[in-house]
Amino acid sequence: MTLFEFSGCALIAFGPPMTMFFLTLADNPIFIIVMISSGFFWLLSLLVSSIIWTIVFPLKEILVFGVICSVIVQEIYRYLFYAILKKAQIGLQKVSDVGNRGHLYSISWSTLSYVSGFGFGIMSGAFSLVNVLADSTGPGTVGLYGDSPYFFISTSLITLALILLHTFWGIIFFDALDKKCRYKIGYVVVSHLAVSALTFFNQQQLYLASLIPCYLITVITASIAYQCAGGTLKSLKESLPFVSG
């Protein structure tokens, strides 16, 4: 039974992202390099957050401080990765042209922002869920001592939302920096803080109170990211024939 729970939760959290990876990134080595690099920057942000949390001793026991610090540092490192990627964009295109042996195609900036956000999301999701998945394999099951039996599945759903959100945040953040749009940068930071704060409900086993707003924010963020990537309602209808006019 624990094996089924482990497999189901892993597929909930990482099934859609892995599908995205194989359909959009796996055939391009440049994208994989960018994805791994962005994941490394997320790890650096985690390291810096941990150092700050350790140094600021009086606030170590205040969970809110740790969350705010982590979110702000992550967004700072998202900006640093943006700056590095912006300088390396031309070089990446040249490497891609050489590696494709005559099959040339342009690496669009919106695509790089998508790959960057995806790398952030995958690394964040892995660190959020790996330990939980390890516990789901046993011994015993959740719920025997008053714990909620929905803990694992709700954690998997939140992890999936965070992976998708990091992907969308990456697109919005890069576009906002290019266009010097401060309110979009503010939206990324505020929505990141909001989603992180919503997870506090899980301590009281109020999983719906965190899941419903979290996925509502995910839908809103996806719409903004779609617009930032150049998508329109017309192009959406053309890509989805079942959407009525």
C-alpha atoms as a PDB file:
ATOM      1  CA  MET A   1       0.000   0.000   0.000  1.00  0.00           C
ATOM      2  CA  THR A   2       2.796   2.427   0.847  1.00  0.00           C
ATOM      3  CA  LEU A   3       4.364   1.752  -2.559  1.00  0.00           C
ATOM      4  CA  PHE A   4       1.124   2.733  -4.290  1.00  0.00           C
ATOM      5  CA  GLU A   5       0.940   5.896  -2.207  1.00  0.00           C
ATOM      6  CA  PHE A   6       4.539   6.759  -3.028  1.00  0.00           C
ATOM      7  CA  SER A   7       4.003   6.183  -6.760  1.00  0.00           C
ATOM      8  CA  GLY A   8       0.734   8.098  -6.873  1.00  0.00           C
ATOM      9  CA  CYS A   9       2.069  11.133  -5.021  1.00  0.00           C
ATOM     10  CA  ALA A  10       5.243  11.190  -7.129  1.00  0.00           C
ATOM     11  CA  LEU A  11       3.206  11.086 -10.342  1.00  0.00           C
ATOM     12  CA  ILE A  12       0.861  13.825  -9.128  1.00  0.00           C
ATOM     13  CA  ALA A  13       3.738  16.182  -8.336  1.00  0.00           C
ATOM     14  CA  PHE A  14       6.188  15.343 -11.104  1.00  0.00           C
ATOM     15  CA  GLY A  15       4.077  13.714 -13.830  1.00  0.00           C
ATOM     16  CA  PRO A  16       2.920  16.931 -15.574  1.00  0.00           C
ATOM     17  CA  PRO A  17       6.357  18.627 -15.244  1.00  0.00           C
ATOM     18  CA  MET A  18       8.102  15.580 -16.694  1.00  0.00           C
ATOM     19  CA  THR A  19       5.637  15.607 -19.584  1.00  0.00           C
ATOM     20  CA  MET A  20       6.469  19.284 -20.133  1.00  0.00           C
ATOM     21  CA  PHE A  21      10.165  18.431 -20.049  1.00  0.00           C
ATOM     22  CA  PHE A  22      10.005  15.661 -22.637  1.00  0.00           C
ATOM     23  CA  LEU A  23       7.684  17.585 -24.961  1.00  0.00           C
ATOM     24  CA  THR A  24       9.426  20.969 -24.854  1.00  0.00           C
ATOM     25  CA  LEU A  25      12.994  20.656 -23.550  1.00  0.00           C
ATOM     26  CA  ALA A  26      14.458  17.187 -23.883  1.00  0.00           C
ATOM     27  CA  ASP A  27      15.460  17.459 -27.551  1.00  0.00           C
ATOM     28  CA  ASN A  28      17.539  20.628 -27.082  1.00  0.00           C
ATOM     29  CA  PRO A  29      20.816  20.400 -25.109  1.00  0.00           C
ATOM     30  CA  ILE A  30      20.938  24.190 -24.691  1.00  0.00           C
ATOM     31  CA  PHE A  31      17.613  24.133 -22.891  1.00  0.00           C
ATOM     32  CA  ILE A  32      18.813  21.359 -20.608  1.00  0.00           C
ATOM     33  CA  ILE A  33      21.946  23.332 -19.743  1.00  0.00           C
ATOM     34  CA  VAL A  34      19.874  26.435 -18.962  1.00  0.00           C
ATOM     35  CA  MET A  35      17.443  24.376 -16.890  1.00  0.00           C
ATOM     36  CA  ILE A  36      20.238  22.794 -14.826  1.00  0.00           C
ATOM     37  CA  SER A  37      21.929  26.178 -14.391  1.00  0.00           C
ATOM     38  CA  SER A  38      18.730  27.805 -13.154  1.00  0.00           C
ATOM     39  CA  GLY A  39      18.204  24.901 -10.767  1.00  0.00           C
ATOM     40  CA  PHE A  40      21.711  25.499  -9.435  1.00  0.00           C
ATOM     41  CA  PHE A  41      20.841  29.155  -8.819  1.00  0.00           C
ATOM     42  CA  TRP A  42      17.806  28.048  -6.840  1.00  0.00           C
ATOM     43  CA  LEU A  43      20.119  25.871  -4.750  1.00  0.00           C
ATOM     44  CA  LEU A  44      22.358  28.887  -4.159  1.00  0.00           C
ATOM     45  CA  SER A  45      19.341  30.863  -3.002  1.00  0.00           C
ATOM     46  CA  LEU A  46      18.494  28.068  -0.576  1.00  0.00           C
ATOM     47  CA  LEU A  47      22.055  28.107   0.757  1.00  0.00           C
ATOM     48  CA  VAL A  48      22.017  31.889   1.272  1.00  0.00           C
ATOM     49  CA  SER A  49      18.593  31.708   2.936  1.00  0.00           C
ATOM     50  CA  SER A  50      19.877  29.031   5.302  1.00  0.00           C
ATOM     51  CA  ILE A  51      22.927  31.116   6.190  1.00  0.00           C
ATOM     52  CA  ILE A  52      20.784  34.175   6.915  1.00  0.00           C
ATOM     53  CA  TRP A  53      18.366  32.079   8.965  1.00  0.00           C
ATOM     54  CA  THR A  54      21.274  30.720  10.998  1.00  0.00           C
ATOM     55  CA  ILE A  55      22.950  34.093  11.543  1.00  0.00           C
ATOM     56  CA  VAL A  56      19.803  35.948  12.612  1.00  0.00           C
ATOM     57  CA  PHE A  57      19.544  33.883  15.775  1.00  0.00           C
ATOM     58  CA  PRO A  58      16.695  35.775  17.527  1.00  0.00           C
ATOM     59  CA  LEU A  59      14.342  35.077  14.602  1.00  0.00           C
ATOM     60  CA  LYS A  60      15.258  31.424  14.030  1.00  0.00           C
ATOM     61  CA  GLU A  61      12.112  30.154  15.716  1.00  0.00           C
ATOM     62  CA  ILE A  62       9.777  32.458  13.775  1.00  0.00           C
ATOM     63  CA  LEU A  63       8.617  30.538  10.717  1.00  0.00           C
ATOM     64  CA  VAL A  64       7.261  33.641   8.977  1.00  0.00           C
ATOM     65  CA  PHE A  65      10.724  35.206   8.969  1.00  0.00           C
ATOM     66  CA  GLY A  66      12.219  32.131   7.312  1.00  0.00           C
ATOM     67  CA  VAL A  67       9.548  32.099   4.613  1.00  0.00           C
ATOM     68  CA  ILE A  68       9.852  35.811   3.799  1.00  0.00           C
ATOM     69  CA  CYS A  69      13.640  35.606   3.751  1.00  0.00           C
ATOM     70  CA  SER A  70      13.579  32.554   1.472  1.00  0.00           C
ATOM     71  CA  VAL A  71      11.149  34.126  -1.016  1.00  0.00           C
ATOM     72  CA  ILE A  72      13.078  37.385  -1.255  1.00  0.00           C
ATOM     73  CA  VAL A  73      16.407  35.599  -1.730  1.00  0.00           C
ATOM     74  CA  GLN A  74      14.900  33.335  -4.403  1.00  0.00           C
ATOM     75  CA  GLU A  75      13.664  36.352  -6.357  1.00  0.00           C
ATOM     76  CA  ILE A  76      17.051  38.045  -6.034  1.00  0.00           C
ATOM     77  CA  TYR A  77      18.712  34.961  -7.496  1.00  0.00           C
ATOM     78  CA  ARG A  78      16.068  34.848 -10.224  1.00  0.00           C
ATOM     79  CA  TYR A  79      17.170  38.360 -11.141  1.00  0.00           C
ATOM     80  CA  LEU A  80      20.857  37.377 -11.048  1.00  0.00           C
ATOM     81  CA  PHE A  81      20.158  34.452 -13.377  1.00  0.00           C
ATOM     82  CA  TYR A  82      18.240  36.805 -15.676  1.00  0.00           C
ATOM     83  CA  ALA A  83      21.237  39.144 -15.846  1.00  0.00           C
ATOM     84  CA  ILE A  84      23.672  36.306 -16.614  1.00  0.00           C
ATOM     85  CA  LEU A  85      21.364  34.703 -19.167  1.00  0.00           C
ATOM     86  CA  LYS A  86      20.838  38.036 -20.897  1.00  0.00           C
ATOM     87  CA  LYS A  87      24.572  38.411 -21.436  1.00  0.00           C
ATOM     88  CA  ALA A  88      24.908  34.793 -22.597  1.00  0.00           C
ATOM     89  CA  GLN A  89      21.938  34.806 -24.987  1.00  0.00           C
ATOM     90  CA  ILE A  90      23.935  35.529 -28.149  1.00  0.00           C
ATOM     91  CA  GLY A  91      26.545  32.925 -27.256  1.00  0.00           C
ATOM     92  CA  LEU A  92      23.856  30.315 -26.590  1.00  0.00           C
ATOM     93  CA  GLN A  93      22.348  30.978 -30.014  1.00  0.00           C
ATOM     94  CA  LYS A  94      25.744  30.502 -31.684  1.00  0.00           C
ATOM     95  CA  VAL A  95      26.341  27.238 -29.826  1.00  0.00           C
ATOM     96  CA  SER A  96      22.871  26.064 -30.794  1.00  0.00           C
ATOM     97  CA  ASP A  97      23.502  26.917 -34.465  1.00  0.00           C
ATOM     98  CA  VAL A  98      26.711  24.882 -34.497  1.00  0.00           C
ATOM     99  CA  GLY A  99      25.245  21.933 -32.633  1.00  0.00           C
ATOM    100  CA  ASN A 100      22.186  21.537 -34.840  1.00  0.00           C
ATOM    101  CA  ARG A 101      24.244  20.806 -37.984  1.00  0.00           C
ATOM    102  CA  GLY A 102      22.364  22.982 -40.413  1.00  0.00           C
ATOM    103  CA  HIS A 103      18.954  22.728 -38.765  1.00  0.00           C
ATOM    104  CA  LEU A 104      18.927  26.280 -37.459  1.00  0.00           C
ATOM    105  CA  TYR A 105      16.223  27.797 -35.341  1.00  0.00           C
ATOM    106  CA  SER A 106      16.127  30.835 -33.123  1.00  0.00           C
ATOM    107  CA  ILE A 107      16.181  30.484 -29.350  1.00  0.00           C
ATOM    108  CA  SER A 108      13.581  33.031 -28.350  1.00  0.00           C
ATOM    109  CA  TRP A 109      13.976  34.981 -25.135  1.00  0.00           C
ATOM    110  CA  SER A 110      10.515  33.948 -23.951  1.00  0.00           C
ATOM    111  CA  THR A 111      11.539  30.313 -24.351  1.00  0.00           C
ATOM    112  CA  LEU A 112      14.654  30.882 -22.252  1.00  0.00           C
ATOM    113  CA  SER A 113      12.534  32.515 -19.555  1.00  0.00           C
ATOM    114  CA  TYR A 114      10.259  29.463 -19.597  1.00  0.00           C
ATOM    115  CA  VAL A 115      13.230  27.096 -19.281  1.00  0.00           C
ATOM    116  CA  SER A 116      14.693  29.195 -16.471  1.00  0.00           C
ATOM    117  CA  GLY A 117      11.465  29.191 -14.502  1.00  0.00           C
ATOM    118  CA  PHE A 118      11.054  25.473 -15.102  1.00  0.00           C
ATOM    119  CA  GLY A 119      14.525  24.799 -13.680  1.00  0.00           C
ATOM    120  CA  PHE A 120      13.683  26.828 -10.583  1.00  0.00           C
ATOM    121  CA  GLY A 121      10.417  24.929 -10.205  1.00  0.00           C
ATOM    122  CA  ILE A 122      11.839  21.433 -10.606  1.00  0.00           C
ATOM    123  CA  MET A 123      14.571  22.039  -8.054  1.00  0.00           C
ATOM    124  CA  SER A 124      12.124  23.656  -5.642  1.00  0.00           C
ATOM    125  CA  GLY A 125       9.683  20.776  -6.071  1.00  0.00           C
ATOM    126  CA  ALA A 126      12.360  18.159  -5.555  1.00  0.00           C
ATOM    127  CA  PHE A 127      13.473  19.686  -2.256  1.00  0.00           C
ATOM    128  CA  SER A 128       9.863  20.175  -1.145  1.00  0.00           C
ATOM    129  CA  LEU A 129       8.711  16.617  -1.709  1.00  0.00           C
ATOM    130  CA  VAL A 130      11.617  14.169  -1.704  1.00  0.00           C
ATOM    131  CA  ASN A 131      11.699  13.753   2.084  1.00  0.00           C
ATOM    132  CA  VAL A 132       7.906  13.490   2.221  1.00  0.00           C
ATOM    133  CA  LEU A 133       7.927  10.789  -0.455  1.00  0.00           C
ATOM    134  CA  ALA A 134      10.625   8.915   1.447  1.00  0.00           C
ATOM    135  CA  ASP A 135       8.387   8.902   4.543  1.00  0.00           C
ATOM    136  CA  SER A 136       5.412   7.676   2.513  1.00  0.00           C
ATOM    137  CA  THR A 137       7.139   4.358   1.872  1.00  0.00           C
ATOM    138  CA  GLY A 138       6.667   3.363   5.493  1.00  0.00           C
ATOM    139  CA  PRO A 139       6.767   1.856   7.973  1.00  0.00           C
ATOM    140  CA  GLY A 140       3.118   2.456   8.858  1.00  0.00           C
ATOM    141  CA  THR A 141       0.657   4.850   7.327  1.00  0.00           C
ATOM    142  CA  VAL A 142      -0.411   8.415   8.083  1.00  0.00           C
ATOM    143  CA  GLY A 143      -3.554   8.738  10.198  1.00  0.00           C
ATOM    144  CA  LEU A 144      -2.959   6.185  12.934  1.00  0.00           C
ATOM    145  CA  TYR A 145      -2.246   8.859  15.562  1.00  0.00           C
ATOM    146  CA  GLY A 146      -4.688  11.541  14.504  1.00  0.00           C
ATOM    147  CA  ASP A 147      -2.720  12.755  11.512  1.00  0.00           C
ATOM    148  CA  SER A 148      -4.623  13.552   8.353  1.00  0.00           C
ATOM    149  CA  PRO A 149      -4.629  10.807   5.706  1.00  0.00           C
ATOM    150  CA  TYR A 150      -4.651  13.598   3.101  1.00  0.00           C
ATOM    151  CA  PHE A 151      -1.207  14.903   4.046  1.00  0.00           C
ATOM    152  CA  PHE A 152       0.749  13.205   1.252  1.00  0.00           C
ATOM    153  CA  ILE A 153      -1.659  13.918  -1.584  1.00  0.00           C
ATOM    154  CA  SER A 154      -2.146  17.562  -0.551  1.00  0.00           C
ATOM    155  CA  THR A 155       1.617  18.056  -0.306  1.00  0.00           C
ATOM    156  CA  SER A 156       1.998  16.577  -3.788  1.00  0.00           C
ATOM    157  CA  LEU A 157      -0.658  18.909  -5.195  1.00  0.00           C
ATOM    158  CA  ILE A 158       0.993  21.951  -3.622  1.00  0.00           C
ATOM    159  CA  THR A 159       4.372  20.847  -4.981  1.00  0.00           C
ATOM    160  CA  LEU A 160       2.888  20.570  -8.481  1.00  0.00           C
ATOM    161  CA  ALA A 161       1.419  24.052  -8.139  1.00  0.00           C
ATOM    162  CA  LEU A 162       4.782  25.467  -7.024  1.00  0.00           C
ATOM    163  CA  ILE A 163       6.607  23.886  -9.974  1.00  0.00           C
ATOM    164  CA  LEU A 164       4.090  25.384 -12.395  1.00  0.00           C
ATOM    165  CA  LEU A 165       4.134  28.722 -10.594  1.00  0.00           C
ATOM    166  CA  HIS A 166       7.922  28.988 -10.729  1.00  0.00           C
ATOM    167  CA  THR A 167       7.707  28.343 -14.470  1.00  0.00           C
ATOM    168  CA  PHE A 168       5.095  31.082 -14.909  1.00  0.00           C
ATOM    169  CA  TRP A 169       6.920  33.436 -12.542  1.00  0.00           C
ATOM    170  CA  GLY A 170      10.062  33.034 -14.622  1.00  0.00           C
ATOM    171  CA  ILE A 171       8.252  34.119 -17.789  1.00  0.00           C
ATOM    172  CA  ILE A 172       6.569  37.078 -16.095  1.00  0.00           C
ATOM    173  CA  PHE A 173       9.715  38.178 -14.244  1.00  0.00           C
ATOM    174  CA  PHE A 174      11.926  38.168 -17.336  1.00  0.00           C
ATOM    175  CA  ASP A 175       9.312  40.004 -19.393  1.00  0.00           C
ATOM    176  CA  ALA A 176       8.819  42.572 -16.636  1.00  0.00           C
ATOM    177  CA  LEU A 177      12.553  43.257 -16.407  1.00  0.00           C
ATOM    178  CA  ASP A 178      12.799  43.670 -20.183  1.00  0.00           C
ATOM    179  CA  LYS A 179       9.895  46.113 -20.241  1.00  0.00           C
ATOM    180  CA  LYS A 180      10.747  47.713 -16.868  1.00  0.00           C
ATOM    181  CA  CYS A 181       7.270  46.864 -15.640  1.00  0.00           C
ATOM    182  CA  ARG A 182       7.466  47.173 -11.870  1.00  0.00           C
ATOM    183  CA  TYR A 183       3.943  46.052 -11.099  1.00  0.00           C
ATOM    184  CA  LYS A 184       4.570  42.659 -12.725  1.00  0.00           C
ATOM    185  CA  ILE A 185       7.739  42.222 -10.687  1.00  0.00           C
ATOM    186  CA  GLY A 186       5.698  43.150  -7.632  1.00  0.00           C
ATOM    187  CA  TYR A 187       3.060  40.596  -8.609  1.00  0.00           C
ATOM    188  CA  VAL A 188       5.670  37.847  -8.795  1.00  0.00           C
ATOM    189  CA  VAL A 189       7.066  38.665  -5.361  1.00  0.00           C
ATOM    190  CA  VAL A 190       3.685  39.176  -3.686  1.00  0.00           C
ATOM    191  CA  SER A 191       2.109  36.062  -5.203  1.00  0.00           C
ATOM    192  CA  HIS A 192       5.197  34.041  -4.235  1.00  0.00           C
ATOM    193  CA  LEU A 193       4.849  35.280  -0.652  1.00  0.00           C
ATOM    194  CA  ALA A 194       1.103  34.588  -0.692  1.00  0.00           C
ATOM    195  CA  VAL A 195       1.478  30.999  -1.906  1.00  0.00           C
ATOM    196  CA  SER A 196       4.208  30.350   0.652  1.00  0.00           C
ATOM    197  CA  ALA A 197       2.035  31.818   3.415  1.00  0.00           C
ATOM    198  CA  LEU A 198      -0.925  29.665   2.373  1.00  0.00           C
ATOM    199  CA  THR A 199       1.052  26.549   3.266  1.00  0.00           C
ATOM    200  CA  PHE A 200       0.780  27.579   6.951  1.00  0.00           C
ATOM    201  CA  PHE A 201      -2.781  26.236   6.858  1.00  0.00           C
ATOM    202  CA  ASN A 202      -1.358  22.745   6.460  1.00  0.00           C
ATOM    203  CA  GLN A 203      -0.124  22.844  10.056  1.00  0.00           C
ATOM    204  CA  GLN A 204      -3.800  22.878  11.140  1.00  0.00           C
ATOM    205  CA  GLN A 205      -4.655  20.241   8.504  1.00  0.00           C
ATOM    206  CA  LEU A 206      -6.745  22.818   6.628  1.00  0.00           C
ATOM    207  CA  TYR A 207      -5.569  21.552   3.265  1.00  0.00           C
ATOM    208  CA  LEU A 208      -8.436  22.940   1.184  1.00  0.00           C
ATOM    209  CA  ALA A 209      -7.773  26.394   2.642  1.00  0.00           C
ATOM    210  CA  SER A 210      -4.317  26.282   1.067  1.00  0.00           C
ATOM    211  CA  LEU A 211      -5.001  24.255  -2.080  1.00  0.00           C
ATOM    212  CA  ILE A 212      -7.949  26.229  -3.470  1.00  0.00           C
ATOM    213  CA  PRO A 213      -6.343  29.720  -3.266  1.00  0.00           C
ATOM    214  CA  CYS A 214      -3.012  28.266  -4.397  1.00  0.00           C
ATOM    215  CA  TYR A 215      -4.490  26.857  -7.599  1.00  0.00           C
ATOM    216  CA  LEU A 216      -6.517  30.003  -8.155  1.00  0.00           C
ATOM    217  CA  ILE A 217      -3.264  31.986  -8.067  1.00  0.00           C
ATOM    218  CA  THR A 218      -1.735  29.406 -10.408  1.00  0.00           C
ATOM    219  CA  VAL A 219      -4.490  29.938 -12.989  1.00  0.00           C
ATOM    220  CA  ILE A 220      -4.176  33.731 -12.759  1.00  0.00           C
ATOM    221  CA  THR A 221      -0.389  33.548 -13.020  1.00  0.00           C
ATOM    222  CA  ALA A 222      -0.620  31.202 -16.009  1.00  0.00           C
ATOM    223  CA  SER A 223      -2.868  33.713 -17.789  1.00  0.00           C
ATOM    224  CA  ILE A 224      -0.428  36.556 -17.159  1.00  0.00           C
ATOM    225  CA  ALA A 225       2.529  34.422 -18.276  1.00  0.00           C
ATOM    226  CA  TYR A 226       0.674  33.446 -21.454  1.00  0.00           C
ATOM    227  CA  GLN A 227       0.125  37.110 -22.246  1.00  0.00           C
ATOM    228  CA  CYS A 228       3.767  37.963 -21.474  1.00  0.00           C
ATOM    229  CA  ALA A 229       4.907  35.226 -23.857  1.00  0.00           C
ATOM    230  CA  GLY A 230       2.940  36.869 -26.679  1.00  0.00           C
ATOM    231  CA  GLY A 231      -0.192  34.784 -26.450  1.00  0.00           C
ATOM    232  CA  THR A 232      -3.591  36.237 -27.276  1.00  0.00           C
ATOM    233  CA  LEU A 233      -7.163  35.066 -27.011  1.00  0.00           C
ATOM    234  CA  LYS A 234      -7.194  34.528 -30.772  1.00  0.00           C
ATOM    235  CA  SER A 235      -4.082  32.348 -30.704  1.00  0.00           C
ATOM    236  CA  LEU A 236      -5.569  30.388 -27.789  1.00  0.00           C
ATOM    237  CA  LYS A 237      -8.704  29.665 -29.774  1.00  0.00           C
ATOM    238  CA  GLU A 238      -6.634  28.593 -32.771  1.00  0.00           C
ATOM    239  CA  SER A 239      -4.543  26.187 -30.648  1.00  0.00           C
ATOM    240  CA  LEU A 240      -7.639  24.829 -28.897  1.00  0.00           C
ATOM    241  CA  PRO A 241     -10.253  24.100 -31.578  1.00  0.00           C
ATOM    242  CA  PHE A 242     -12.824  23.035 -28.972  1.00  0.00           C
ATOM    243  CA  VAL A 243     -12.906  26.558 -27.516  1.00  0.00           C
ATOM    244  CA  SER A 244     -15.982  28.197 -28.970  1.00  0.00           C
ATOM    245  CA  GLY A 245     -15.906  31.700 -30.314  1.00  0.00           C
END
